[in-house]
Amino acid sequence: MSSYTPIMKKYNCLFMILILIVSCVQAQDDDPLYTRAGFKVGANYANVTGDLDNTDARIRMHLGAVIEFPVSQRFYIQTEVLYSAQGYTIEENGVENKISLNYLTLPIITKYYFTPRFSLETGPRLATLASTSRSVGDENTEDEFFNTFNDFDFGWNFGVGYKAESGLFFQLHYTLGLSEIIDTDVIDVSTNTALMQLSVGYLFKTKNNRRQIPAVQQ
């Protein structure tokens, strides 16, 4: 009987720890979740992949509004409306031509917080071409130049993020282009978007969450 008592005490201790863990998980599940809106701005490292030769990346910018919707303590959906300046540089007849492709984009990002602050992020990116320009070319043919590109661009985002308790956040995304961006009978090429984005932003607090609750409680 004397040897049985310590074993029972050990199992009772483990049982109490299990109850405590379950209680903490349930408490986390009961924590209120809030939708937050804000903005983001950052740098684009833009290029194209495919059949075009001698292309180099351009460093440009993006900015816009974001809304983060909670699904659970670990999963969030972030929708964005961004102006994204992209393009590439190509050498034509020994002359460097800077191509500007400016898009209005709608990324829909699923965020999984694997720690209270860090998240893995992925989701589709819908984009419509707003304007184009080039550093070398006839200004009178700019409309024709615009028409050589598809109006719609579809891609998929992959990345990571960090969100502070204050609402300040950072994101690093790579966009894999899944649709062809050039649409012309002049040349037969297959070309897709290749885009890296480094962003900083802020999510404003609402009346219901003046004291911000992290996405995942520690």
N, C-alpha and C. Protein backbone atom coordinates (compact mmCIF):
# COMPACT_ATOMS: atom_id res chain seq x y z
N MET A 1 0.83 -1.21 0.00
CA MET A 1 0.00 0.00 0.00
C MET A 1 0.86 1.25 0.00
N SER A 2 2.04 1.15 0.66
CA SER A 2 2.91 2.31 0.73
C SER A 2 3.47 2.67 -0.63
N SER A 3 3.71 1.63 -1.52
CA SER A 3 4.21 1.91 -2.85
C SER A 3 3.11 2.40 -3.78
N TYR A 4 1.86 2.11 -3.45
CA TYR A 4 0.72 2.50 -4.29
C TYR A 4 0.41 3.99 -4.16
N THR A 5 0.61 4.51 -2.94
CA THR A 5 0.26 5.90 -2.68
C THR A 5 1.06 6.89 -3.50
N PRO A 6 2.39 6.78 -3.62
CA PRO A 6 3.13 7.73 -4.46
C PRO A 6 2.69 7.69 -5.92
N ILE A 7 2.37 6.46 -6.41
CA ILE A 7 1.92 6.35 -7.80
C ILE A 7 0.61 7.09 -7.99
N MET A 8 -0.32 6.94 -7.05
CA MET A 8 -1.59 7.64 -7.14
C MET A 8 -1.39 9.15 -7.08
N LYS A 9 -0.49 9.58 -6.24
CA LYS A 9 -0.21 11.03 -6.16
C LYS A 9 0.33 11.55 -7.49
N LYS A 10 1.20 10.73 -8.14
CA LYS A 10 1.76 11.15 -9.42
C LYS A 10 0.67 11.27 -10.47
N TYR A 11 -0.24 10.28 -10.54
CA TYR A 11 -1.33 10.33 -11.51
C TYR A 11 -2.31 11.47 -11.20
N ASN A 12 -2.54 11.72 -9.92
CA ASN A 12 -3.41 12.84 -9.54
C ASN A 12 -2.80 14.17 -9.98
N CYS A 13 -1.48 14.28 -9.84
CA CYS A 13 -0.80 15.51 -10.26
C CYS A 13 -0.91 15.69 -11.78
N LEU A 14 -0.68 14.60 -12.54
CA LEU A 14 -0.80 14.67 -14.00
C LEU A 14 -2.23 15.00 -14.42
N PHE A 15 -3.20 14.44 -13.70
CA PHE A 15 -4.60 14.71 -14.01
C PHE A 15 -4.94 16.17 -13.77
N MET A 16 -4.44 16.75 -12.70
CA MET A 16 -4.69 18.16 -12.41
C MET A 16 -4.04 19.06 -13.46
N ILE A 17 -2.83 18.68 -13.92
CA ILE A 17 -2.17 19.46 -14.97
C ILE A 17 -2.97 19.40 -16.26
N LEU A 18 -3.51 18.20 -16.58
CA LEU A 18 -4.33 18.06 -17.78
C LEU A 18 -5.58 18.92 -17.70
N ILE A 19 -6.22 18.94 -16.55
CA ILE A 19 -7.41 19.78 -16.36
C ILE A 19 -7.05 21.25 -16.52
N LEU A 20 -5.90 21.66 -15.99
CA LEU A 20 -5.47 23.05 -16.10
C LEU A 20 -5.22 23.43 -17.56
N ILE A 21 -4.59 22.51 -18.33
CA ILE A 21 -4.34 22.78 -19.75
C ILE A 21 -5.63 22.91 -20.52
N VAL A 22 -6.59 22.00 -20.29
CA VAL A 22 -7.88 22.05 -20.97
C VAL A 22 -8.62 23.34 -20.62
N SER A 23 -8.55 23.74 -19.35
CA SER A 23 -9.21 24.97 -18.93
C SER A 23 -8.62 26.19 -19.62
N CYS A 24 -7.29 26.20 -19.78
CA CYS A 24 -6.64 27.32 -20.46
C CYS A 24 -7.04 27.38 -21.93
N VAL A 25 -7.11 26.21 -22.58
CA VAL A 25 -7.52 26.18 -23.98
C VAL A 25 -8.95 26.67 -24.13
N GLN A 26 -9.84 26.23 -23.24
CA GLN A 26 -11.22 26.68 -23.31
C GLN A 26 -11.32 28.18 -23.07
N ALA A 27 -10.49 28.69 -22.17
CA ALA A 27 -10.51 30.13 -21.91
C ALA A 27 -10.05 30.90 -23.13
N GLN A 28 -9.05 30.35 -23.85
CA GLN A 28 -8.60 31.01 -25.06
C GLN A 28 -9.70 31.01 -26.11
N ASP A 29 -10.44 29.90 -26.22
CA ASP A 29 -11.50 29.82 -27.21
C ASP A 29 -12.61 30.81 -26.92
N ASP A 30 -12.78 31.20 -25.64
CA ASP A 30 -13.82 32.13 -25.27
C ASP A 30 -13.39 33.58 -25.41
N ASP A 31 -12.10 33.82 -25.70
CA ASP A 31 -11.63 35.20 -25.82
C ASP A 31 -12.32 35.88 -27.01
N PRO A 32 -12.74 37.11 -26.86
CA PRO A 32 -13.39 37.81 -27.98
C PRO A 32 -12.42 38.10 -29.11
N LEU A 33 -12.93 38.06 -30.33
CA LEU A 33 -12.14 38.34 -31.52
C LEU A 33 -12.74 39.55 -32.22
N TYR A 34 -11.87 40.40 -32.79
CA TYR A 34 -12.33 41.66 -33.36
C TYR A 34 -11.79 41.84 -34.77
N THR A 35 -12.60 42.42 -35.62
CA THR A 35 -12.18 42.84 -36.95
C THR A 35 -11.47 44.18 -36.84
N ARG A 36 -10.34 44.32 -37.54
CA ARG A 36 -9.58 45.56 -37.48
C ARG A 36 -9.23 46.02 -38.90
N ALA A 37 -9.29 47.30 -39.12
CA ALA A 37 -8.96 47.90 -40.41
C ALA A 37 -7.70 48.75 -40.27
N GLY A 38 -7.00 48.93 -41.37
CA GLY A 38 -5.78 49.73 -41.33
C GLY A 38 -5.24 49.98 -42.71
N PHE A 39 -3.92 50.13 -42.78
CA PHE A 39 -3.26 50.43 -44.05
C PHE A 39 -1.91 49.75 -44.08
N LYS A 40 -1.34 49.67 -45.29
CA LYS A 40 0.01 49.14 -45.44
C LYS A 40 0.71 49.86 -46.58
N VAL A 41 2.02 49.89 -46.54
CA VAL A 41 2.84 50.51 -47.57
C VAL A 41 4.16 49.76 -47.61
N GLY A 42 4.78 49.73 -48.79
CA GLY A 42 6.04 49.02 -48.84
C GLY A 42 6.69 49.04 -50.21
N ALA A 43 7.72 48.22 -50.34
CA ALA A 43 8.53 48.16 -51.55
C ALA A 43 8.20 46.92 -52.36
N ASN A 44 8.19 47.07 -53.68
CA ASN A 44 8.06 45.97 -54.62
C ASN A 44 9.40 45.67 -55.27
N TYR A 45 9.72 44.40 -55.36
CA TYR A 45 10.85 43.94 -56.18
C TYR A 45 10.21 43.17 -57.32
N ALA A 46 9.98 43.86 -58.44
CA ALA A 46 9.12 43.35 -59.51
C ALA A 46 9.92 42.93 -60.73
N ASN A 47 9.48 41.80 -61.32
CA ASN A 47 10.08 41.32 -62.55
C ASN A 47 9.05 40.43 -63.24
N VAL A 48 9.43 39.79 -64.32
CA VAL A 48 8.57 38.83 -65.01
C VAL A 48 9.35 37.55 -65.24
N THR A 49 8.63 36.44 -65.35
CA THR A 49 9.23 35.16 -65.70
C THR A 49 8.63 34.69 -67.02
N GLY A 50 9.32 33.76 -67.67
CA GLY A 50 8.79 33.23 -68.91
C GLY A 50 9.77 33.35 -70.05
N ASP A 51 9.23 33.69 -71.22
CA ASP A 51 10.01 33.64 -72.46
C ASP A 51 10.82 34.90 -72.76
N LEU A 52 10.55 35.99 -72.06
CA LEU A 52 11.31 37.22 -72.32
C LEU A 52 12.74 37.07 -71.83
N ASP A 53 13.69 37.46 -72.66
CA ASP A 53 15.10 37.39 -72.29
C ASP A 53 15.61 38.76 -71.84
N ASN A 54 16.68 38.74 -71.07
CA ASN A 54 17.39 39.97 -70.67
C ASN A 54 16.51 40.92 -69.86
N THR A 55 15.66 40.38 -68.99
CA THR A 55 14.86 41.25 -68.13
C THR A 55 15.53 41.36 -66.76
N ASP A 56 15.40 42.54 -66.16
CA ASP A 56 15.89 42.78 -64.81
C ASP A 56 14.75 43.33 -63.97
N ALA A 57 14.88 43.14 -62.66
CA ALA A 57 13.84 43.58 -61.73
C ALA A 57 13.89 45.10 -61.54
N ARG A 58 12.73 45.64 -61.15
CA ARG A 58 12.63 47.05 -60.77
C ARG A 58 12.15 47.13 -59.32
N ILE A 59 12.69 48.10 -58.59
CA ILE A 59 12.23 48.36 -57.23
C ILE A 59 11.23 49.50 -57.28
N ARG A 60 9.97 49.19 -56.92
CA ARG A 60 8.93 50.20 -56.97
C ARG A 60 8.17 50.18 -55.64
N MET A 61 6.90 50.50 -55.60
CA MET A 61 6.21 50.62 -54.32
C MET A 61 4.76 50.14 -54.41
N HIS A 62 4.14 49.93 -53.23
CA HIS A 62 2.72 49.61 -53.14
C HIS A 62 2.16 50.26 -51.88
N LEU A 63 0.86 50.50 -51.89
CA LEU A 63 0.19 51.07 -50.72
C LEU A 63 -1.31 50.84 -50.85
N GLY A 64 -1.99 50.86 -49.69
CA GLY A 64 -3.44 50.68 -49.73
C GLY A 64 -4.03 50.37 -48.37
N ALA A 65 -5.28 49.92 -48.37
CA ALA A 65 -6.04 49.65 -47.16
C ALA A 65 -6.18 48.15 -46.95
N VAL A 66 -6.26 47.75 -45.68
CA VAL A 66 -6.41 46.34 -45.32
C VAL A 66 -7.48 46.20 -44.24
N ILE A 67 -8.13 45.04 -44.22
CA ILE A 67 -9.07 44.67 -43.17
C ILE A 67 -8.75 43.25 -42.74
N GLU A 68 -8.61 43.02 -41.45
CA GLU A 68 -8.31 41.70 -40.91
C GLU A 68 -9.54 41.15 -40.19
N PHE A 69 -10.04 40.00 -40.69
CA PHE A 69 -11.22 39.36 -40.11
C PHE A 69 -10.80 38.12 -39.33
N PRO A 70 -11.22 37.98 -38.07
CA PRO A 70 -10.88 36.77 -37.31
C PRO A 70 -11.79 35.60 -37.68
N VAL A 71 -11.19 34.43 -37.80
CA VAL A 71 -11.94 33.18 -37.98
C VAL A 71 -11.88 32.37 -36.70
N SER A 72 -10.71 32.30 -36.11
CA SER A 72 -10.49 31.66 -34.81
C SER A 72 -9.30 32.35 -34.18
N GLN A 73 -8.83 31.79 -33.05
CA GLN A 73 -7.69 32.41 -32.38
C GLN A 73 -6.43 32.34 -33.24
N ARG A 74 -6.33 31.35 -34.10
CA ARG A 74 -5.13 31.19 -34.91
C ARG A 74 -5.31 31.58 -36.37
N PHE A 75 -6.52 31.53 -36.89
CA PHE A 75 -6.76 31.81 -38.30
C PHE A 75 -7.44 33.16 -38.49
N TYR A 76 -6.89 33.96 -39.42
CA TYR A 76 -7.46 35.25 -39.78
C TYR A 76 -7.49 35.35 -41.31
N ILE A 77 -8.40 36.17 -41.82
CA ILE A 77 -8.45 36.50 -43.23
C ILE A 77 -8.17 37.99 -43.37
N GLN A 78 -7.19 38.33 -44.19
CA GLN A 78 -6.86 39.74 -44.44
C GLN A 78 -7.14 40.07 -45.90
N THR A 79 -8.09 40.96 -46.12
CA THR A 79 -8.38 41.44 -47.48
C THR A 79 -7.73 42.81 -47.65
N GLU A 80 -7.27 43.06 -48.88
CA GLU A 80 -6.53 44.28 -49.15
C GLU A 80 -6.99 44.90 -50.46
N VAL A 81 -6.92 46.20 -50.54
CA VAL A 81 -7.09 46.94 -51.80
C VAL A 81 -5.83 47.79 -51.95
N LEU A 82 -5.01 47.44 -52.94
CA LEU A 82 -3.69 48.06 -53.05
C LEU A 82 -3.46 48.64 -54.44
N TYR A 83 -2.72 49.73 -54.47
CA TYR A 83 -2.09 50.20 -55.70
C TYR A 83 -0.69 49.61 -55.72
N SER A 84 -0.37 48.87 -56.77
CA SER A 84 0.92 48.18 -56.84
C SER A 84 1.63 48.57 -58.13
N ALA A 85 2.74 49.28 -57.98
CA ALA A 85 3.57 49.68 -59.13
C ALA A 85 4.59 48.58 -59.40
N GLN A 86 4.50 48.00 -60.59
CA GLN A 86 5.36 46.87 -60.94
C GLN A 86 6.07 47.15 -62.26
N GLY A 87 6.50 46.09 -62.93
CA GLY A 87 7.15 46.23 -64.21
C GLY A 87 8.45 45.46 -64.28
N TYR A 88 9.29 45.84 -65.19
CA TYR A 88 10.57 45.18 -65.40
C TYR A 88 11.43 46.06 -66.31
N THR A 89 12.69 45.73 -66.38
CA THR A 89 13.62 46.41 -67.29
C THR A 89 14.10 45.41 -68.33
N ILE A 90 14.09 45.84 -69.59
CA ILE A 90 14.52 44.95 -70.66
C ILE A 90 15.46 45.72 -71.60
N GLU A 91 16.46 45.00 -72.11
CA GLU A 91 17.41 45.62 -73.03
C GLU A 91 16.94 45.38 -74.46
N GLU A 92 16.74 46.47 -75.19
CA GLU A 92 16.28 46.39 -76.57
C GLU A 92 17.25 47.15 -77.47
N ASN A 93 17.90 46.42 -78.36
CA ASN A 93 18.88 47.03 -79.29
C ASN A 93 19.97 47.79 -78.54
N GLY A 94 20.41 47.22 -77.44
CA GLY A 94 21.48 47.82 -76.66
C GLY A 94 21.04 48.97 -75.76
N VAL A 95 19.71 49.24 -75.71
CA VAL A 95 19.19 50.34 -74.89
C VAL A 95 18.30 49.75 -73.79
N GLU A 96 18.49 50.23 -72.58
CA GLU A 96 17.69 49.77 -71.44
C GLU A 96 16.33 50.47 -71.45
N ASN A 97 15.26 49.68 -71.48
CA ASN A 97 13.90 50.20 -71.49
C ASN A 97 13.20 49.81 -70.20
N LYS A 98 12.79 50.80 -69.42
CA LYS A 98 12.11 50.56 -68.16
C LYS A 98 10.60 50.50 -68.40
N ILE A 99 10.02 49.32 -68.19
CA ILE A 99 8.59 49.10 -68.40
C ILE A 99 7.87 49.25 -67.06
N SER A 100 6.85 50.10 -67.03
CA SER A 100 6.03 50.29 -65.82
C SER A 100 4.66 49.68 -66.04
N LEU A 101 4.27 48.78 -65.13
CA LEU A 101 2.94 48.17 -65.14
C LEU A 101 2.32 48.45 -63.77
N ASN A 102 1.28 49.26 -63.76
CA ASN A 102 0.67 49.70 -62.51
C ASN A 102 -0.71 49.06 -62.34
N TYR A 103 -0.89 48.38 -61.22
CA TYR A 103 -2.09 47.57 -61.00
C TYR A 103 -2.89 48.06 -59.79
N LEU A 104 -4.20 47.85 -59.85
CA LEU A 104 -5.07 47.88 -58.68
C LEU A 104 -5.31 46.42 -58.29
N THR A 105 -4.95 46.04 -57.07
CA THR A 105 -4.96 44.63 -56.70
C THR A 105 -5.88 44.37 -55.52
N LEU A 106 -6.37 43.12 -55.47
CA LEU A 106 -7.22 42.65 -54.37
C LEU A 106 -6.66 41.33 -53.86
N PRO A 107 -5.69 41.36 -52.96
CA PRO A 107 -5.22 40.12 -52.33
C PRO A 107 -6.19 39.68 -51.22
N ILE A 108 -6.39 38.36 -51.11
CA ILE A 108 -7.20 37.78 -50.04
C ILE A 108 -6.30 36.77 -49.33
N ILE A 109 -5.82 37.15 -48.16
CA ILE A 109 -4.75 36.40 -47.50
C ILE A 109 -5.30 35.65 -46.28
N THR A 110 -5.05 34.34 -46.25
CA THR A 110 -5.32 33.54 -45.06
C THR A 110 -4.07 33.53 -44.18
N LYS A 111 -4.25 33.88 -42.90
CA LYS A 111 -3.12 33.99 -41.99
C LYS A 111 -3.26 32.95 -40.87
N TYR A 112 -2.23 32.15 -40.67
CA TYR A 112 -2.20 31.18 -39.58
C TYR A 112 -1.12 31.59 -38.59
N TYR A 113 -1.54 31.95 -37.38
CA TYR A 113 -0.60 32.38 -36.34
C TYR A 113 -0.06 31.15 -35.62
N PHE A 114 1.17 30.75 -35.96
CA PHE A 114 1.79 29.61 -35.29
C PHE A 114 2.44 30.01 -33.97
N THR A 115 2.59 31.31 -33.73
CA THR A 115 2.95 31.85 -32.42
C THR A 115 2.02 33.05 -32.19
N PRO A 116 2.04 33.64 -31.00
CA PRO A 116 1.16 34.80 -30.78
C PRO A 116 1.40 35.96 -31.72
N ARG A 117 2.57 36.05 -32.34
CA ARG A 117 2.90 37.21 -33.17
C ARG A 117 3.21 36.88 -34.62
N PHE A 118 3.74 35.69 -34.87
CA PHE A 118 4.19 35.34 -36.22
C PHE A 118 3.16 34.48 -36.94
N SER A 119 3.01 34.74 -38.25
CA SER A 119 2.00 34.04 -39.03
C SER A 119 2.56 33.56 -40.36
N LEU A 120 2.03 32.43 -40.82
CA LEU A 120 2.23 31.97 -42.19
C LEU A 120 1.04 32.43 -43.00
N GLU A 121 1.29 32.93 -44.23
CA GLU A 121 0.23 33.61 -44.98
C GLU A 121 0.22 33.13 -46.43
N THR A 122 -1.00 32.94 -46.97
CA THR A 122 -1.15 32.54 -48.36
C THR A 122 -2.54 32.89 -48.85
N GLY A 123 -2.67 33.04 -50.17
CA GLY A 123 -3.98 33.34 -50.73
C GLY A 123 -3.90 33.93 -52.12
N PRO A 124 -5.03 34.04 -52.80
CA PRO A 124 -5.05 34.54 -54.18
C PRO A 124 -4.87 36.05 -54.24
N ARG A 125 -4.41 36.49 -55.40
CA ARG A 125 -4.24 37.93 -55.67
C ARG A 125 -4.86 38.23 -57.02
N LEU A 126 -5.87 39.08 -57.01
CA LEU A 126 -6.54 39.52 -58.23
C LEU A 126 -6.07 40.92 -58.55
N ALA A 127 -5.76 41.17 -59.82
CA ALA A 127 -5.22 42.48 -60.20
C ALA A 127 -5.77 42.92 -61.54
N THR A 128 -6.02 44.22 -61.65
CA THR A 128 -6.43 44.80 -62.92
C THR A 128 -5.43 45.88 -63.31
N LEU A 129 -5.05 45.89 -64.56
CA LEU A 129 -4.03 46.83 -65.05
C LEU A 129 -4.62 48.24 -65.14
N ALA A 130 -3.99 49.18 -64.46
CA ALA A 130 -4.48 50.56 -64.45
C ALA A 130 -3.77 51.43 -65.48
N SER A 131 -2.47 51.28 -65.61
CA SER A 131 -1.72 52.12 -66.56
C SER A 131 -0.38 51.47 -66.87
N THR A 132 0.20 51.89 -67.97
CA THR A 132 1.52 51.42 -68.37
C THR A 132 2.34 52.60 -68.88
N SER A 133 3.64 52.44 -68.88
CA SER A 133 4.53 53.43 -69.48
C SER A 133 5.87 52.76 -69.76
N ARG A 134 6.72 53.43 -70.50
CA ARG A 134 8.04 52.93 -70.83
C ARG A 134 8.99 54.11 -70.98
N SER A 135 10.24 53.85 -70.71
CA SER A 135 11.23 54.94 -70.79
C SER A 135 11.69 55.18 -72.21
N VAL A 136 11.56 54.18 -73.08
CA VAL A 136 11.96 54.32 -74.48
C VAL A 136 10.78 53.92 -75.35
N GLY A 137 10.34 54.82 -76.23
CA GLY A 137 9.22 54.50 -77.10
C GLY A 137 8.49 55.76 -77.54
N ASP A 138 7.67 55.62 -78.54
CA ASP A 138 6.91 56.74 -79.10
C ASP A 138 5.73 57.05 -78.19
N GLU A 139 5.65 58.29 -77.70
CA GLU A 139 4.55 58.68 -76.81
C GLU A 139 3.20 58.58 -77.52
N ASN A 140 3.17 58.70 -78.82
CA ASN A 140 1.91 58.65 -79.56
C ASN A 140 1.34 57.24 -79.66
N THR A 141 2.13 56.25 -79.26
CA THR A 141 1.67 54.85 -79.33
C THR A 141 1.48 54.24 -77.94
N GLU A 142 1.32 55.08 -76.92
CA GLU A 142 1.17 54.57 -75.56
C GLU A 142 -0.10 53.74 -75.41
N ASP A 143 -1.19 54.12 -76.10
CA ASP A 143 -2.42 53.32 -76.03
C ASP A 143 -2.21 51.94 -76.63
N GLU A 144 -1.49 51.89 -77.72
CA GLU A 144 -1.18 50.60 -78.34
C GLU A 144 -0.31 49.76 -77.40
N PHE A 145 0.63 50.41 -76.73
CA PHE A 145 1.50 49.71 -75.78
C PHE A 145 0.67 49.14 -74.63
N PHE A 146 -0.27 49.92 -74.11
CA PHE A 146 -1.15 49.44 -73.03
C PHE A 146 -1.92 48.21 -73.49
N ASN A 147 -2.37 48.20 -74.73
CA ASN A 147 -3.19 47.09 -75.24
C ASN A 147 -2.41 45.82 -75.49
N THR A 148 -1.09 45.89 -75.40
CA THR A 148 -0.30 44.66 -75.54
C THR A 148 -0.28 43.83 -74.26
N PHE A 149 -0.87 44.35 -73.19
CA PHE A 149 -0.90 43.63 -71.91
C PHE A 149 -2.34 43.26 -71.57
N ASN A 150 -2.50 42.14 -70.87
CA ASN A 150 -3.82 41.72 -70.42
C ASN A 150 -4.32 42.66 -69.33
N ASP A 151 -5.63 42.90 -69.35
CA ASP A 151 -6.23 43.77 -68.33
C ASP A 151 -6.23 43.11 -66.96
N PHE A 152 -6.26 41.77 -66.91
CA PHE A 152 -6.41 41.05 -65.64
C PHE A 152 -5.19 40.17 -65.40
N ASP A 153 -4.75 40.16 -64.15
CA ASP A 153 -3.61 39.33 -63.76
C ASP A 153 -3.99 38.56 -62.50
N PHE A 154 -3.78 37.25 -62.52
CA PHE A 154 -4.10 36.41 -61.37
C PHE A 154 -2.82 35.77 -60.86
N GLY A 155 -2.66 35.79 -59.54
CA GLY A 155 -1.49 35.18 -58.93
C GLY A 155 -1.81 34.61 -57.57
N TRP A 156 -0.79 34.02 -56.95
CA TRP A 156 -0.97 33.43 -55.62
C TRP A 156 0.16 33.91 -54.71
N ASN A 157 -0.24 34.38 -53.52
CA ASN A 157 0.71 34.93 -52.56
C ASN A 157 1.16 33.86 -51.56
N PHE A 158 2.43 33.91 -51.22
CA PHE A 158 3.01 33.10 -50.14
C PHE A 158 3.86 34.03 -49.29
N GLY A 159 3.81 33.85 -47.97
CA GLY A 159 4.65 34.72 -47.16
C GLY A 159 4.54 34.49 -45.67
N VAL A 160 5.14 35.40 -44.94
CA VAL A 160 5.14 35.38 -43.48
C VAL A 160 4.81 36.78 -42.98
N GLY A 161 4.35 36.85 -41.74
CA GLY A 161 4.01 38.14 -41.15
C GLY A 161 4.32 38.18 -39.68
N TYR A 162 4.39 39.40 -39.18
CA TYR A 162 4.57 39.65 -37.75
C TYR A 162 3.64 40.78 -37.35
N LYS A 163 2.86 40.58 -36.28
CA LYS A 163 1.95 41.61 -35.80
C LYS A 163 2.20 41.88 -34.32
N ALA A 164 2.51 43.14 -34.00
CA ALA A 164 2.71 43.54 -32.62
C ALA A 164 1.37 43.78 -31.94
N GLU A 165 1.38 43.80 -30.61
CA GLU A 165 0.15 44.02 -29.86
C GLU A 165 -0.46 45.37 -30.17
N SER A 166 0.36 46.35 -30.52
CA SER A 166 -0.14 47.69 -30.81
C SER A 166 -0.94 47.75 -32.11
N GLY A 167 -0.75 46.77 -33.00
CA GLY A 167 -1.38 46.79 -34.31
C GLY A 167 -0.39 47.02 -35.45
N LEU A 168 0.85 47.38 -35.12
CA LEU A 168 1.89 47.51 -36.13
C LEU A 168 2.23 46.12 -36.67
N PHE A 169 2.33 45.99 -38.00
CA PHE A 169 2.65 44.68 -38.56
C PHE A 169 3.61 44.81 -39.73
N PHE A 170 4.29 43.70 -40.00
CA PHE A 170 5.24 43.59 -41.10
C PHE A 170 4.90 42.32 -41.88
N GLN A 171 5.06 42.39 -43.21
CA GLN A 171 4.78 41.24 -44.05
C GLN A 171 5.83 41.12 -45.15
N LEU A 172 6.17 39.88 -45.49
CA LEU A 172 7.03 39.58 -46.62
C LEU A 172 6.29 38.57 -47.49
N HIS A 173 5.91 38.98 -48.70
CA HIS A 173 5.12 38.14 -49.60
C HIS A 173 5.84 37.96 -50.93
N TYR A 174 5.65 36.76 -51.50
CA TYR A 174 6.05 36.51 -52.87
C TYR A 174 4.81 36.15 -53.68
N THR A 175 4.61 36.83 -54.82
CA THR A 175 3.47 36.57 -55.69
C THR A 175 3.93 35.76 -56.89
N LEU A 176 3.35 34.57 -57.02
CA LEU A 176 3.61 33.72 -58.17
C LEU A 176 2.53 33.97 -59.22
N GLY A 177 2.91 34.55 -60.34
CA GLY A 177 1.94 34.84 -61.40
C GLY A 177 1.46 33.58 -62.07
N LEU A 178 0.14 33.42 -62.21
CA LEU A 178 -0.45 32.23 -62.79
C LEU A 178 -1.17 32.50 -64.11
N SER A 179 -1.22 33.75 -64.52
CA SER A 179 -1.83 34.09 -65.81
C SER A 179 -0.83 34.91 -66.62
N GLU A 180 -0.96 34.83 -67.93
CA GLU A 180 -0.03 35.55 -68.80
C GLU A 180 -0.38 37.04 -68.83
N ILE A 181 0.65 37.88 -68.77
CA ILE A 181 0.41 39.32 -68.71
C ILE A 181 0.53 39.99 -70.07
N ILE A 182 1.19 39.34 -71.03
CA ILE A 182 1.34 39.93 -72.37
C ILE A 182 0.32 39.30 -73.31
N ASP A 183 -0.38 40.15 -74.05
CA ASP A 183 -1.41 39.70 -74.99
C ASP A 183 -1.23 40.45 -76.30
N THR A 184 -0.45 39.88 -77.19
CA THR A 184 -0.19 40.53 -78.48
C THR A 184 0.12 39.49 -79.54
N ASP A 185 -0.23 39.80 -80.77
CA ASP A 185 0.08 38.92 -81.89
C ASP A 185 1.44 39.23 -82.51
N VAL A 186 2.07 40.30 -82.03
CA VAL A 186 3.36 40.72 -82.59
C VAL A 186 4.45 39.71 -82.24
N ILE A 187 4.47 39.30 -80.97
CA ILE A 187 5.44 38.32 -80.52
C ILE A 187 4.70 37.21 -79.78
N ASP A 188 5.19 36.00 -79.90
CA ASP A 188 4.59 34.84 -79.24
C ASP A 188 5.42 34.48 -78.02
N VAL A 189 5.04 35.04 -76.88
CA VAL A 189 5.78 34.80 -75.64
C VAL A 189 4.80 34.47 -74.52
N SER A 190 5.29 33.70 -73.56
CA SER A 190 4.52 33.42 -72.35
C SER A 190 5.24 34.09 -71.19
N THR A 191 4.55 35.02 -70.53
CA THR A 191 5.18 35.84 -69.50
C THR A 191 4.25 35.97 -68.29
N ASN A 192 4.82 35.82 -67.09
CA ASN A 192 4.05 35.88 -65.85
C ASN A 192 4.69 36.84 -64.86
N THR A 193 3.86 37.31 -63.94
CA THR A 193 4.33 38.20 -62.88
C THR A 193 5.24 37.45 -61.91
N ALA A 194 6.31 38.11 -61.50
CA ALA A 194 7.17 37.64 -60.40
C ALA A 194 7.39 38.83 -59.48
N LEU A 195 6.84 38.74 -58.26
CA LEU A 195 6.80 39.93 -57.40
C LEU A 195 7.11 39.58 -55.95
N MET A 196 8.05 40.30 -55.37
CA MET A 196 8.35 40.22 -53.95
C MET A 196 7.95 41.53 -53.29
N GLN A 197 7.21 41.44 -52.18
CA GLN A 197 6.75 42.64 -51.48
C GLN A 197 7.16 42.61 -50.02
N LEU A 198 7.74 43.70 -49.56
CA LEU A 198 8.05 43.92 -48.15
C LEU A 198 7.19 45.08 -47.67
N SER A 199 6.33 44.81 -46.68
CA SER A 199 5.33 45.80 -46.27
C SER A 199 5.41 46.08 -44.78
N VAL A 200 5.02 47.31 -44.43
CA VAL A 200 4.78 47.69 -43.04
C VAL A 200 3.41 48.33 -42.99
N GLY A 201 2.66 48.05 -41.93
CA GLY A 201 1.31 48.60 -41.84
C GLY A 201 0.85 48.73 -40.41
N TYR A 202 -0.38 49.18 -40.28
CA TYR A 202 -0.95 49.38 -38.94
C TYR A 202 -2.44 49.06 -38.98
N LEU A 203 -2.90 48.29 -37.97
CA LEU A 203 -4.31 47.97 -37.81
C LEU A 203 -4.85 48.79 -36.64
N PHE A 204 -5.84 49.63 -36.91
CA PHE A 204 -6.40 50.49 -35.88
C PHE A 204 -7.26 49.69 -34.91
N LYS A 205 -7.26 50.14 -33.66
CA LYS A 205 -8.12 49.53 -32.66
C LYS A 205 -9.54 50.09 -32.78
N THR A 206 -10.50 49.25 -32.43
CA THR A 206 -11.90 49.67 -32.45
C THR A 206 -12.36 49.98 -31.03
N LYS A 207 -13.60 50.42 -30.89
CA LYS A 207 -14.13 50.72 -29.57
C LYS A 207 -14.15 49.49 -28.67
N ASN A 208 -14.27 48.30 -29.29
CA ASN A 208 -14.38 47.07 -28.51
C ASN A 208 -13.04 46.47 -28.13
N ASN A 209 -11.96 46.93 -28.71
CA ASN A 209 -10.67 46.34 -28.37
C ASN A 209 -9.60 47.41 -28.21
N ARG A 210 -9.89 48.39 -27.37
CA ARG A 210 -8.89 49.41 -27.07
C ARG A 210 -7.64 48.79 -26.48
N ARG A 211 -7.83 47.72 -25.72
CA ARG A 211 -6.68 46.94 -25.26
C ARG A 211 -6.58 45.74 -26.16
N GLN A 212 -5.64 45.75 -27.06
CA GLN A 212 -5.55 44.72 -28.10
C GLN A 212 -5.29 43.36 -27.51
N ILE A 213 -6.04 42.36 -27.99
CA ILE A 213 -5.83 40.97 -27.62
C ILE A 213 -5.04 40.30 -28.72
N PRO A 214 -3.91 39.65 -28.40
CA PRO A 214 -3.12 39.00 -29.45
C PRO A 214 -3.93 37.96 -30.19
N ALA A 215 -3.48 37.63 -31.40
CA ALA A 215 -4.17 36.63 -32.19
C ALA A 215 -4.17 35.28 -31.48
N VAL A 216 -3.08 34.94 -30.78
CA VAL A 216 -3.00 33.71 -30.01
C VAL A 216 -2.48 34.06 -28.64
N GLN A 217 -3.22 33.74 -27.61
CA GLN A 217 -2.80 34.06 -26.26
C GLN A 217 -1.61 33.23 -25.87
N GLN A 218 -0.69 33.82 -25.15
CA GLN A 218 0.46 33.08 -24.66
C GLN A 218 0.04 32.24 -23.46
